[in-house]
Amino acid sequence: MRKFIIVVIAIAILFSTVAFADDLSVLTDEELLALHRDVLDEMERRSLPDTPETDSELADVTERVISFFVAWSRNNLDEMLALCDSGWKATVENPRTALVGILTNMIPTDATIEAVNEIGGESPDGLPYYLVSVNSHLDGNDGKSAKMYKIQFLVRKEEDELWYINPTGIDSREAVEEEPSAEAGPGNDTESAAADMILYYHPDGGEYYHLDQNCLSVNTKYLPLQGSFHSTELNDEPYRTLKRCEVCGNIDDPVAADAHSDSSEGSRLIGLLITREDLTEYTDETGVLSASCTSKGPDAEIEYQFDNVNGLRLICFITPEDGEEGSSIISNVDDGISAVDFEMSDDSNSIKMDATINFVPGKDETLFFYNPVLRNDSGQVFAVPGDFMAVSSAMNPPGSSAGQTIRDERKHTENSSEIIDTTTVNIRIKAVREPLIIRLLQFSEAHELLISEEFVPGTVPEQIVPLTESDYLLLETVEKSPEGGSFTRREAIGRDTDFLNTMSCRDDGICLCHYHEVLWNTAVPEK
């Protein structure tokens, strides 16, 4: 930026020198020449060298970093990888997978370059480096407001004379404490706040107003909601056409509204409904899709169904038992969701859900919408439209995963103590190859093949009884390679393992996991 400083100083000198004149036109040619020499002498005296090359470099570095953040905000991995340092790419096995791991589901909502500093000395490869400091609000896709972080990147000029970013700086980001907003500051009148509340909406086409700036019914890419107004303005333009959100509270009920402001009431996240199409087409006038309960009798399992919608349910919540102390766990998980793990907290009603969908991606992008499923205090269960993940064979090679995390937090008081109940849902779409043939081979201790069986995926028996002479099994899965041809995956099953799993693929590309019990020492010896 030094060139800009030089220009400003030169103009200042010029105007200070001619301050005695009402107009430059009154000066003679000799006086103008003398003035020009004075300006040059003053600039030389101040020793401010003109270095446009450095300024050009700074502009190029800044432009590349901003381009990286723009691509990141769009979740465009291809553009980001094109801007990444080749030296960093060479140090990782799979740059795309490594970059996804670095980003950890974070999406920037803004970016401000605070400093660009050239690194002195000779770099290891003889190429120039800059250290760029960026302040950015990062949205963790967890239902909470974006937080400010300071990120420092190493930016290097490569042989093509372009600048490239080393993304590892994202891993070492530092949280930046921001000044609290005036609305949240002390001294606000509680009664007037209850009478005149702040409501939120999406200013670009939003149809609902919300009590919660991070309402779970809103697509996460619009959170936190940027539009706000006072509840006393509900009948004024342009807010009078907005409808009340049924998810985050009721403005007509001051008690419920006040309770929601403390995050103690309202609907709670209990899982996800994974669909391949936007759920908005199926919601009612309030923006939700209600579930029907199919429980029959007190001992029957409780099932929540979303009629006329093709999707996968991942639901789990804790509910008190009628007439009894304690609680019970309700869970609904559809086939197609694998590796499901539920973690319950001992000191609260907190739940963590972790699950994977195995999918065979095609050349064209497939969208997976992860729609939050909520349960209100009346026991009603409903889904609201959520965001999506895009999966394709180009972006997601076999073994890679695309994931999202949604988190909800509710507070309540119990025995004069504040209890925080959290629900966290981690969902991953894992790219796999389509299984074509499954073989099960049995070997003796001397590694002699005893028997070989071949199955169509999905037809392997639930119980496998090895021969008495068998010392181990070899599970072979012939899979279809995305590049054409086939790939064989092998897994050894020893006598210390009493189960194995196989997969079969549905027509929609989702793979089902099948679990098989291995019953050692129960077979009749082969004659």
Protein backbone atom coordinates (compact mmCIF):
# COMPACT_ATOMS: atom_id res chain seq x y z
CA MET A 1 0.00 0.00 0.00
CA ARG A 2 3.03 2.29 -0.04
CA LYS A 3 2.26 3.74 -3.47
CA PHE A 4 -1.07 4.97 -2.16
CA ILE A 5 0.71 6.67 0.76
CA ILE A 6 3.12 8.40 -1.62
CA VAL A 7 0.27 9.80 -3.69
CA VAL A 8 -1.52 11.11 -0.63
CA ILE A 9 1.63 12.82 0.72
CA ALA A 10 2.44 14.34 -2.67
CA ILE A 11 -1.04 15.83 -2.91
CA ALA A 12 -0.75 17.16 0.64
CA ILE A 13 2.60 18.83 -0.18
CA LEU A 14 1.17 20.31 -3.32
CA PHE A 15 -1.77 21.88 -1.56
CA SER A 16 0.32 23.14 1.36
CA THR A 17 2.78 24.73 -1.07
CA VAL A 18 0.11 26.55 -3.06
CA ALA A 19 -1.96 27.54 -0.06
CA PHE A 20 -0.88 31.16 -0.58
CA ALA A 21 -2.47 31.15 -4.07
CA ASP A 22 -6.19 31.38 -4.74
CA ASP A 23 -5.84 29.44 -7.98
CA LEU A 24 -3.05 27.56 -9.80
CA SER A 25 -3.81 29.61 -12.86
CA VAL A 26 -2.22 32.70 -11.29
CA LEU A 27 1.22 30.98 -11.26
CA THR A 28 3.70 31.60 -14.07
CA ASP A 29 5.49 28.75 -15.85
CA GLU A 30 8.62 29.42 -13.83
CA GLU A 31 6.64 29.27 -10.56
CA LEU A 32 4.99 25.99 -11.58
CA LEU A 33 8.40 24.49 -12.41
CA ALA A 34 9.77 25.61 -9.06
CA LEU A 35 6.74 24.10 -7.31
CA HIS A 36 7.29 20.80 -9.10
CA ARG A 37 10.96 20.76 -7.97
CA ASP A 38 9.89 21.48 -4.37
CA VAL A 39 7.53 18.51 -4.41
CA LEU A 40 10.22 16.18 -5.78
CA ASP A 41 12.76 17.41 -3.22
CA GLU A 42 10.28 16.90 -0.37
CA MET A 43 9.47 13.33 -1.50
CA GLU A 44 13.17 12.50 -1.77
CA ARG A 45 13.79 14.00 1.67
CA ARG A 46 11.10 11.77 3.18
CA SER A 47 12.70 8.67 1.52
CA LEU A 48 9.48 7.06 0.33
CA PRO A 49 10.47 4.85 -2.60
CA ASP A 50 7.87 4.11 -5.27
CA THR A 51 7.40 0.31 -5.30
CA PRO A 52 4.47 -0.57 -7.48
CA GLU A 53 5.67 -4.16 -7.80
CA THR A 54 5.11 -4.78 -4.08
CA ASP A 55 1.65 -3.20 -4.24
CA SER A 56 0.80 -5.39 -7.23
CA GLU A 57 1.90 -8.45 -5.27
CA LEU A 58 -0.24 -7.47 -2.30
CA ALA A 59 -3.26 -7.02 -4.54
CA ASP A 60 -2.67 -10.41 -6.19
CA VAL A 61 -2.28 -12.16 -2.82
CA THR A 62 -5.42 -10.49 -1.47
CA GLU A 63 -7.42 -11.42 -4.57
CA ARG A 64 -6.41 -15.11 -4.32
CA VAL A 65 -7.26 -15.34 -0.61
CA ILE A 66 -10.67 -13.71 -1.15
CA SER A 67 -11.32 -16.12 -4.05
CA PHE A 68 -10.52 -19.01 -1.70
CA PHE A 69 -13.06 -17.74 0.84
CA VAL A 70 -15.72 -17.21 -1.82
CA ALA A 71 -15.27 -20.81 -3.02
CA TRP A 72 -15.34 -21.99 0.60
CA SER A 73 -18.60 -20.11 1.27
CA ARG A 74 -20.12 -21.98 -1.69
CA ASN A 75 -18.65 -25.29 -0.48
CA ASN A 76 -16.95 -25.59 -3.90
CA LEU A 77 -14.08 -27.98 -3.18
CA ASP A 78 -12.86 -27.99 -6.79
CA GLU A 79 -12.27 -24.23 -6.81
CA MET A 80 -10.64 -24.37 -3.38
CA LEU A 81 -8.28 -27.18 -4.40
CA ALA A 82 -7.30 -25.22 -7.52
CA LEU A 83 -6.15 -22.42 -5.20
CA CYS A 84 -4.25 -24.70 -2.80
CA ASP A 85 -0.47 -24.88 -2.56
CA SER A 86 0.99 -27.75 -4.63
CA GLY A 87 3.53 -28.36 -1.88
CA TRP A 88 0.72 -29.03 0.60
CA LYS A 89 -1.06 -31.28 -1.91
CA ALA A 90 2.10 -33.36 -2.27
CA THR A 91 2.26 -34.01 1.48
CA VAL A 92 -1.25 -35.53 1.77
CA GLU A 93 -2.51 -38.79 0.32
CA ASN A 94 -5.83 -37.40 -0.91
CA PRO A 95 -6.00 -33.58 -1.06
CA ARG A 96 -9.80 -33.51 -1.36
CA THR A 97 -10.32 -35.72 1.69
CA ALA A 98 -7.65 -33.82 3.62
CA LEU A 99 -9.31 -30.49 2.79
CA VAL A 100 -12.72 -31.76 3.90
CA GLY A 101 -11.13 -32.84 7.18
CA ILE A 102 -9.58 -29.40 7.68
CA LEU A 103 -12.84 -27.55 6.99
CA THR A 104 -14.74 -29.65 9.60
CA ASN A 105 -18.15 -28.56 8.25
CA MET A 106 -17.31 -24.88 8.81
CA ILE A 107 -18.63 -22.36 6.27
CA PRO A 108 -17.51 -18.69 6.28
CA THR A 109 -20.18 -16.01 6.22
CA ASP A 110 -17.68 -13.18 5.68
CA ALA A 111 -13.94 -12.51 5.48
CA THR A 112 -11.82 -9.47 6.37
CA ILE A 113 -8.11 -9.42 5.56
CA GLU A 114 -6.38 -7.84 8.56
CA ALA A 115 -2.74 -8.09 7.53
CA VAL A 116 -0.49 -9.25 4.67
CA ASN A 117 3.14 -9.65 5.76
CA GLU A 118 6.03 -10.77 3.62
CA ILE A 119 8.13 -13.48 5.25
CA GLY A 120 11.74 -12.40 5.29
CA GLY A 121 14.76 -14.55 4.55
CA GLU A 122 15.23 -17.26 1.96
CA SER A 123 12.40 -19.79 1.77
CA PRO A 124 13.30 -23.51 1.42
CA ASP A 125 12.29 -23.57 -2.25
CA GLY A 126 13.51 -20.05 -3.06
CA LEU A 127 9.97 -18.77 -3.74
CA PRO A 128 8.41 -15.79 -1.93
CA TYR A 129 5.89 -16.30 0.89
CA TYR A 130 3.33 -14.07 2.58
CA LEU A 131 1.59 -14.61 5.89
CA VAL A 132 -2.05 -13.47 5.55
CA SER A 133 -4.26 -12.89 8.61
CA VAL A 134 -8.02 -13.12 8.03
CA ASN A 135 -10.90 -12.54 10.44
CA SER A 136 -13.97 -14.55 9.47
CA HIS A 137 -17.28 -15.60 10.98
CA LEU A 138 -17.48 -19.39 10.61
CA ASP A 139 -20.81 -21.21 10.70
CA GLY A 140 -20.43 -24.69 12.19
CA ASN A 141 -23.77 -25.94 10.77
CA ASP A 142 -24.79 -26.76 14.33
CA GLY A 143 -27.77 -24.44 14.64
CA LYS A 144 -25.75 -21.81 16.51
CA SER A 145 -24.63 -18.35 15.47
CA ALA A 146 -21.45 -18.07 13.44
CA LYS A 147 -18.37 -17.30 15.54
CA MET A 148 -15.48 -14.99 14.70
CA TYR A 149 -12.08 -16.63 14.16
CA LYS A 150 -8.63 -15.39 13.23
CA ILE A 151 -7.04 -17.56 10.53
CA GLN A 152 -3.47 -17.23 9.30
CA PHE A 153 -2.50 -18.62 5.90
CA LEU A 154 0.86 -19.12 4.25
CA VAL A 155 0.51 -17.93 0.66
CA ARG A 156 3.23 -18.88 -1.81
CA LYS A 157 4.07 -17.81 -5.34
CA GLU A 158 4.72 -20.84 -7.54
CA GLU A 159 6.50 -21.24 -10.84
CA ASP A 160 3.45 -20.13 -12.84
CA GLU A 161 3.76 -16.71 -11.09
CA LEU A 162 0.42 -17.23 -9.29
CA TRP A 163 -0.20 -17.29 -5.55
CA TYR A 164 -1.46 -20.41 -3.76
CA ILE A 165 -2.84 -20.98 -0.26
CA ASN A 166 -1.76 -23.55 2.31
CA PRO A 167 -5.10 -24.44 4.00
CA THR A 168 -3.60 -25.92 7.18
CA GLY A 169 -3.99 -22.52 8.83
CA ILE A 170 -7.70 -23.28 9.20
CA ASP A 171 -6.81 -26.05 11.65
CA SER A 172 -4.96 -23.62 13.93
CA ARG A 173 -7.61 -20.88 13.89
CA GLU A 174 -8.09 -18.79 17.02
CA ALA A 175 -11.44 -17.64 18.38
CA VAL A 176 -11.88 -13.86 18.48
CA GLU A 177 -13.96 -12.39 21.27
CA GLU A 178 -16.48 -9.91 19.91
CA GLU A 179 -18.09 -6.98 21.66
CA PRO A 180 -21.58 -7.89 22.94
CA SER A 181 -24.48 -6.26 21.12
CA ALA A 182 -26.25 -3.34 22.73
CA GLU A 183 -29.52 -5.31 22.87
CA ALA A 184 -27.92 -7.99 25.02
CA GLY A 185 -26.25 -5.53 27.36
CA PRO A 186 -27.17 -4.87 30.99
CA GLY A 187 -29.76 -2.31 31.97
CA ASN A 188 -32.51 -3.38 29.55
CA ASP A 189 -35.98 -3.25 30.99
CA THR A 190 -37.36 -6.81 31.26
CA GLU A 191 -41.03 -5.86 31.20
CA SER A 192 -40.71 -3.66 28.12
CA ALA A 193 -38.63 -6.39 26.43
CA ALA A 194 -41.46 -8.88 26.99
CA ALA A 195 -43.98 -6.40 25.59
CA ASP A 196 -41.81 -5.47 22.59
CA MET A 197 -39.74 -8.45 21.49
CA ILE A 198 -37.22 -8.73 18.68
CA LEU A 199 -38.46 -11.02 15.92
CA TYR A 200 -36.36 -12.46 13.10
CA TYR A 201 -37.00 -13.32 9.46
CA HIS A 202 -35.20 -14.03 6.20
CA PRO A 203 -35.31 -10.69 4.31
CA ASP A 204 -34.97 -12.29 0.87
CA GLY A 205 -38.23 -14.16 0.43
CA GLY A 206 -38.86 -15.43 3.98
CA GLU A 207 -42.51 -16.24 4.77
CA TYR A 208 -42.30 -16.64 8.57
CA TYR A 209 -41.19 -14.64 11.58
CA HIS A 210 -39.24 -16.33 14.36
CA LEU A 211 -38.42 -15.87 18.02
CA ASP A 212 -35.15 -17.75 17.54
CA GLN A 213 -32.54 -16.21 15.24
CA ASN A 214 -31.22 -19.75 14.66
CA CYS A 215 -34.57 -21.53 14.36
CA LEU A 216 -34.24 -25.18 13.37
CA SER A 217 -37.02 -24.80 10.78
CA VAL A 218 -34.82 -22.52 8.67
CA ASN A 219 -32.36 -23.80 6.09
CA THR A 220 -28.96 -23.58 7.76
CA LYS A 221 -27.44 -21.54 4.93
CA TYR A 222 -29.70 -18.63 5.98
CA LEU A 223 -28.72 -18.80 9.66
CA PRO A 224 -28.41 -16.71 11.66
CA LEU A 225 -31.43 -14.86 10.27
CA GLN A 226 -30.35 -11.41 9.11
CA GLY A 227 -33.70 -9.60 9.16
CA SER A 228 -35.18 -8.34 12.45
CA PHE A 229 -37.97 -6.07 13.67
CA HIS A 230 -39.98 -5.34 16.83
CA SER A 231 -43.10 -7.32 17.65
CA THR A 232 -45.01 -4.00 17.81
CA GLU A 233 -44.40 -3.69 14.05
CA LEU A 234 -46.17 -6.94 13.13
CA ASN A 235 -49.11 -5.08 11.61
CA ASP A 236 -46.90 -2.70 9.62
CA GLU A 237 -45.44 -3.12 6.15
CA PRO A 238 -43.54 -5.14 5.11
CA TYR A 239 -44.00 -7.50 8.10
CA ARG A 240 -47.79 -7.85 8.16
CA THR A 241 -47.77 -10.67 5.59
CA LEU A 242 -45.30 -12.81 7.60
CA LYS A 243 -46.72 -15.95 9.20
CA ARG A 244 -45.89 -17.17 12.69
CA CYS A 245 -43.32 -19.99 12.95
CA GLU A 246 -44.79 -22.98 14.78
CA VAL A 247 -41.36 -24.36 15.67
CA CYS A 248 -39.66 -21.70 17.78
CA GLY A 249 -42.53 -20.35 19.88
CA ASN A 250 -45.74 -18.33 19.94
CA ILE A 251 -45.66 -14.54 20.11
CA ASP A 252 -49.35 -14.54 21.12
CA ASP A 253 -48.48 -16.38 24.35
CA PRO A 254 -46.28 -14.06 26.52
CA VAL A 255 -45.44 -16.91 28.93
CA ALA A 256 -44.26 -19.21 26.18
CA ALA A 257 -42.42 -16.35 24.45
CA ASP A 258 -40.61 -15.42 27.64
CA ALA A 259 -39.73 -19.06 28.29
CA HIS A 260 -38.39 -19.44 24.77
CA SER A 261 -36.14 -16.43 25.23
CA ASP A 262 -34.39 -18.49 27.92
CA SER A 263 -34.20 -21.50 25.55
CA SER A 264 -36.11 -23.56 28.12
CA GLU A 265 -39.22 -24.37 26.09
CA GLY A 266 -40.28 -25.02 22.52
CA SER A 267 -39.69 -27.90 20.16
CA ARG A 268 -36.64 -30.06 20.59
CA LEU A 269 -34.49 -31.75 17.97
CA ILE A 270 -34.95 -35.56 18.06
CA GLY A 271 -33.31 -36.62 14.78
CA LEU A 272 -33.31 -36.27 11.01
CA LEU A 273 -35.40 -37.25 8.02
CA ILE A 274 -33.05 -37.83 5.08
CA THR A 275 -34.68 -37.26 1.70
CA ARG A 276 -33.55 -36.98 -1.91
CA GLU A 277 -35.87 -34.05 -2.64
CA ASP A 278 -36.70 -30.76 -0.99
CA LEU A 279 -39.15 -31.30 1.85
CA THR A 280 -40.76 -27.90 1.22
CA GLU A 281 -43.08 -29.49 -1.35
CA TYR A 282 -44.67 -31.65 1.37
CA THR A 283 -45.04 -29.17 4.24
CA ASP A 284 -48.31 -27.59 5.36
CA GLU A 285 -49.16 -23.89 5.61
CA THR A 286 -47.08 -23.60 8.79
CA GLY A 287 -43.96 -24.93 7.07
CA VAL A 288 -43.81 -28.33 8.81
CA LEU A 289 -44.49 -31.97 7.88
CA SER A 290 -46.32 -33.73 10.71
CA ALA A 291 -45.63 -37.38 11.53
CA SER A 292 -48.28 -39.95 12.33
CA CYS A 293 -47.82 -42.27 15.31
CA THR A 294 -48.50 -45.95 14.63
CA SER A 295 -48.14 -47.27 18.20
CA LYS A 296 -50.76 -49.88 19.10
CA GLY A 297 -51.15 -50.65 22.80
CA PRO A 298 -48.95 -49.87 25.83
CA ASP A 299 -46.30 -52.50 25.04
CA ALA A 300 -46.03 -51.89 21.32
CA GLU A 301 -43.09 -50.06 19.80
CA ILE A 302 -43.79 -46.43 18.95
CA GLU A 303 -43.28 -45.63 15.28
CA TYR A 304 -43.41 -42.18 13.69
CA GLN A 305 -44.16 -42.21 9.97
CA PHE A 306 -43.95 -39.37 7.45
CA ASP A 307 -46.67 -40.28 4.98
CA ASN A 308 -46.19 -39.87 1.23
CA VAL A 309 -42.52 -38.96 1.65
CA ASN A 310 -39.70 -41.27 0.58
CA GLY A 311 -37.00 -40.81 3.21
CA LEU A 312 -34.83 -42.40 5.87
CA ARG A 313 -35.62 -41.78 9.52
CA LEU A 314 -33.00 -41.37 12.23
CA ILE A 315 -34.97 -40.60 15.40
CA CYS A 316 -34.14 -41.04 19.08
CA PHE A 317 -35.44 -39.29 22.20
CA ILE A 318 -36.09 -39.88 25.88
CA THR A 319 -39.61 -39.58 27.23
CA PRO A 320 -41.09 -40.11 30.74
CA GLU A 321 -43.20 -43.25 31.17
CA ASP A 322 -46.86 -42.63 32.03
CA GLY A 323 -47.55 -43.27 35.69
CA GLU A 324 -44.03 -44.43 36.44
CA GLU A 325 -40.79 -42.86 37.53
CA GLY A 326 -37.87 -42.92 35.16
CA SER A 327 -37.88 -42.64 31.40
CA SER A 328 -37.89 -44.70 28.23
CA ILE A 329 -36.02 -44.40 24.94
CA ILE A 330 -37.89 -44.16 21.66
CA SER A 331 -35.90 -44.82 18.49
CA ASN A 332 -36.85 -45.23 14.83
CA VAL A 333 -34.07 -46.05 12.36
CA ASP A 334 -34.74 -47.12 8.78
CA ASP A 335 -32.83 -49.66 6.72
CA GLY A 336 -30.23 -47.78 4.71
CA ILE A 337 -28.82 -46.01 7.76
CA SER A 338 -25.83 -47.95 9.06
CA ALA A 339 -23.26 -47.82 11.85
CA VAL A 340 -25.83 -46.21 14.14
CA ASP A 341 -24.56 -45.23 17.59
CA PHE A 342 -26.62 -43.58 20.33
CA GLU A 343 -24.89 -42.05 23.37
CA MET A 344 -26.98 -41.08 26.40
CA SER A 345 -25.88 -38.74 29.18
CA ASP A 346 -26.09 -39.96 32.77
CA ASP A 347 -26.89 -36.58 34.33
CA SER A 348 -29.30 -35.11 31.74
CA ASN A 349 -31.53 -36.04 28.81
CA SER A 350 -28.73 -35.34 26.35
CA ILE A 351 -28.38 -37.61 23.33
CA LYS A 352 -25.71 -37.92 20.66
CA MET A 353 -26.56 -39.75 17.44
CA ASP A 354 -23.97 -40.90 14.94
CA ALA A 355 -24.88 -42.68 11.71
CA THR A 356 -23.69 -43.39 8.15
CA ILE A 357 -25.46 -43.84 4.84
CA ASN A 358 -23.45 -45.97 2.40
CA PHE A 359 -24.09 -44.78 -1.13
CA VAL A 360 -22.82 -45.63 -4.62
CA PRO A 361 -22.42 -42.18 -6.27
CA GLY A 362 -22.99 -41.67 -9.97
CA LYS A 363 -21.53 -39.17 -12.42
CA ASP A 364 -24.40 -36.76 -11.83
CA GLU A 365 -24.81 -35.06 -8.47
CA THR A 366 -27.24 -36.61 -6.00
CA LEU A 367 -28.70 -34.36 -3.30
CA PHE A 368 -29.30 -35.60 0.23
CA PHE A 369 -31.52 -33.26 2.28
CA TYR A 370 -31.03 -33.58 6.05
CA ASN A 371 -34.31 -32.33 7.50
CA PRO A 372 -34.49 -31.76 11.28
CA VAL A 373 -37.17 -33.78 13.10
CA LEU A 374 -38.61 -32.01 16.16
CA ARG A 375 -40.92 -32.86 19.04
CA ASN A 376 -42.88 -30.22 20.92
CA ASP A 377 -44.07 -30.24 24.54
CA SER A 378 -47.41 -31.72 23.48
CA GLY A 379 -45.65 -34.78 22.06
CA GLN A 380 -46.25 -33.87 18.42
CA VAL A 381 -43.46 -34.92 16.06
CA PHE A 382 -42.79 -33.09 12.79
CA ALA A 383 -40.04 -32.42 10.26
CA VAL A 384 -38.95 -29.08 8.83
CA PRO A 385 -37.06 -28.48 5.56
CA GLY A 386 -33.28 -28.58 5.97
CA ASP A 387 -30.12 -28.09 3.96
CA PHE A 388 -28.53 -30.61 1.59
CA MET A 389 -25.27 -32.33 0.70
CA ALA A 390 -24.29 -32.99 -2.93
CA VAL A 391 -22.56 -36.29 -3.77
CA SER A 392 -21.07 -37.47 -7.07
CA SER A 393 -18.37 -39.89 -8.21
CA ALA A 394 -16.14 -36.97 -9.22
CA MET A 395 -16.35 -35.25 -5.83
CA ASN A 396 -16.60 -38.38 -3.66
CA PRO A 397 -14.24 -41.26 -4.51
CA PRO A 398 -14.86 -44.61 -2.75
CA GLY A 399 -14.05 -44.43 0.94
CA SER A 400 -14.59 -40.67 1.28
CA SER A 401 -17.42 -39.15 3.29
CA ALA A 402 -19.51 -35.98 3.28
CA GLY A 403 -20.96 -35.15 6.67
CA GLN A 404 -23.04 -32.68 8.62
CA THR A 405 -23.65 -32.04 12.31
CA ILE A 406 -26.81 -30.51 13.78
CA ARG A 407 -26.98 -29.56 17.45
CA ASP A 408 -29.82 -28.35 19.65
CA GLU A 409 -29.64 -27.15 23.27
CA ARG A 410 -32.39 -26.71 25.86
CA LYS A 411 -32.12 -25.48 29.45
CA HIS A 412 -34.32 -26.29 32.43
CA THR A 413 -34.11 -26.11 36.21
CA GLU A 414 -34.18 -29.21 38.37
CA ASN A 415 -33.76 -29.11 42.18
CA SER A 416 -32.55 -25.49 41.91
CA SER A 417 -29.84 -26.56 39.44
CA GLU A 418 -29.68 -25.60 35.78
CA ILE A 419 -29.65 -28.63 33.49
CA ILE A 420 -28.65 -28.36 29.84
CA ASP A 421 -30.07 -31.03 27.56
CA THR A 422 -28.36 -31.26 24.18
CA THR A 423 -29.17 -33.27 21.08
CA THR A 424 -26.35 -33.76 18.58
CA VAL A 425 -26.85 -35.55 15.27
CA ASN A 426 -23.86 -36.51 13.10
CA ILE A 427 -24.78 -37.87 9.68
CA ARG A 428 -22.31 -38.99 7.00
CA ILE A 429 -22.80 -40.00 3.38
CA LYS A 430 -20.02 -42.50 2.66
CA ALA A 431 -19.12 -43.27 -0.94
CA VAL A 432 -18.77 -47.03 -1.59
CA ARG A 433 -18.48 -49.35 -4.58
CA GLU A 434 -21.45 -51.44 -5.64
CA PRO A 435 -21.08 -55.07 -4.43
CA LEU A 436 -21.51 -57.60 -7.25
CA ILE A 437 -20.51 -61.00 -5.81
CA ILE A 438 -19.78 -62.20 -2.27
CA ARG A 439 -17.58 -65.25 -1.68
CA LEU A 440 -16.97 -67.01 1.63
CA LEU A 441 -13.91 -69.26 1.72
CA GLN A 442 -12.95 -71.55 4.63
CA PHE A 443 -9.32 -72.46 5.32
CA SER A 444 -7.62 -74.95 7.62
CA GLU A 445 -4.82 -74.10 10.03
CA ALA A 446 -2.43 -75.25 7.28
CA HIS A 447 -4.02 -72.65 4.92
CA GLU A 448 -5.68 -75.32 2.79
CA LEU A 449 -8.93 -74.30 1.12
CA LEU A 450 -11.73 -76.43 2.58
CA ILE A 451 -14.80 -74.96 0.92
CA SER A 452 -15.77 -71.96 -1.18
CA GLU A 453 -19.31 -70.52 -1.40
CA GLU A 454 -20.58 -67.74 -3.63
CA PHE A 455 -23.58 -65.53 -2.94
CA VAL A 456 -25.55 -62.77 -4.58
CA PRO A 457 -25.36 -59.70 -2.29
CA GLY A 458 -28.22 -59.79 0.19
CA THR A 459 -28.54 -63.60 0.21
CA VAL A 460 -25.78 -64.50 2.68
CA PRO A 461 -27.34 -66.51 5.57
CA GLU A 462 -27.87 -64.69 8.88
CA GLN A 463 -25.97 -67.48 10.65
CA ILE A 464 -22.74 -68.91 9.27
CA VAL A 465 -21.58 -72.27 10.61
CA PRO A 466 -17.94 -72.97 9.64
CA LEU A 467 -16.64 -76.52 9.32
CA THR A 468 -15.05 -77.98 12.43
CA GLU A 469 -11.70 -78.09 10.62
CA SER A 470 -11.90 -74.42 9.64
CA ASP A 471 -9.34 -72.18 11.28
CA TYR A 472 -10.37 -68.93 9.57
CA LEU A 473 -12.68 -67.52 6.91
CA LEU A 474 -11.88 -65.25 4.00
CA LEU A 475 -14.67 -62.90 2.98
CA GLU A 476 -14.28 -61.68 -0.61
CA THR A 477 -16.49 -58.95 -2.05
CA VAL A 478 -16.24 -58.28 -5.77
CA GLU A 479 -17.20 -54.63 -6.28
CA LYS A 480 -17.89 -52.53 -9.35
CA SER A 481 -15.20 -49.92 -9.91
CA PRO A 482 -16.30 -46.37 -10.87
CA GLU A 483 -13.63 -46.39 -13.61
CA GLY A 484 -14.98 -49.66 -15.05
CA GLY A 485 -14.03 -53.24 -14.33
CA SER A 486 -14.10 -54.70 -10.83
CA PHE A 487 -12.31 -54.48 -7.51
CA THR A 488 -12.03 -57.31 -4.97
CA ARG A 489 -12.00 -56.48 -1.27
CA ARG A 490 -10.86 -59.22 1.16
CA GLU A 491 -11.29 -59.59 4.90
CA ALA A 492 -9.96 -62.38 7.13
CA ILE A 493 -12.30 -63.65 9.88
CA GLY A 494 -10.56 -65.53 12.70
CA ARG A 495 -11.98 -67.72 15.46
CA ASP A 496 -11.89 -64.75 17.83
CA THR A 497 -14.55 -63.02 15.72
CA ASP A 498 -18.16 -64.11 16.04
CA PHE A 499 -19.74 -61.87 13.39
CA LEU A 500 -19.16 -60.43 9.94
CA ASN A 501 -21.06 -57.96 7.77
CA THR A 502 -21.84 -57.72 4.08
CA MET A 503 -23.58 -55.14 1.90
CA SER A 504 -26.17 -55.17 -0.85
CA CYS A 505 -27.14 -52.25 -3.07
CA ARG A 506 -30.66 -50.95 -3.68
CA ASP A 507 -31.80 -49.55 -7.01
CA ASP A 508 -31.46 -46.01 -5.65
CA GLY A 509 -27.75 -46.50 -4.89
CA ILE A 510 -28.13 -46.81 -1.11
CA CYS A 511 -26.34 -49.87 0.29
CA LEU A 512 -27.81 -51.95 3.10
CA CYS A 513 -25.58 -53.47 5.75
CA HIS A 514 -26.27 -57.08 6.72
CA TYR A 515 -24.88 -58.55 9.93
CA HIS A 516 -24.14 -62.27 10.18
CA GLU A 517 -23.41 -64.37 13.24
CA VAL A 518 -20.48 -66.79 12.94
CA LEU A 519 -21.06 -69.95 15.01
CA TRP A 520 -17.69 -71.59 15.55
CA ASN A 521 -17.41 -75.20 16.87
CA THR A 522 -21.05 -76.04 16.16
CA ALA A 523 -20.72 -77.75 12.78
CA VAL A 524 -20.79 -81.49 12.24
CA PRO A 525 -17.32 -82.71 11.07
CA GLU A 526 -17.13 -83.18 7.32
CA LYS A 527 -16.95 -86.85 6.33
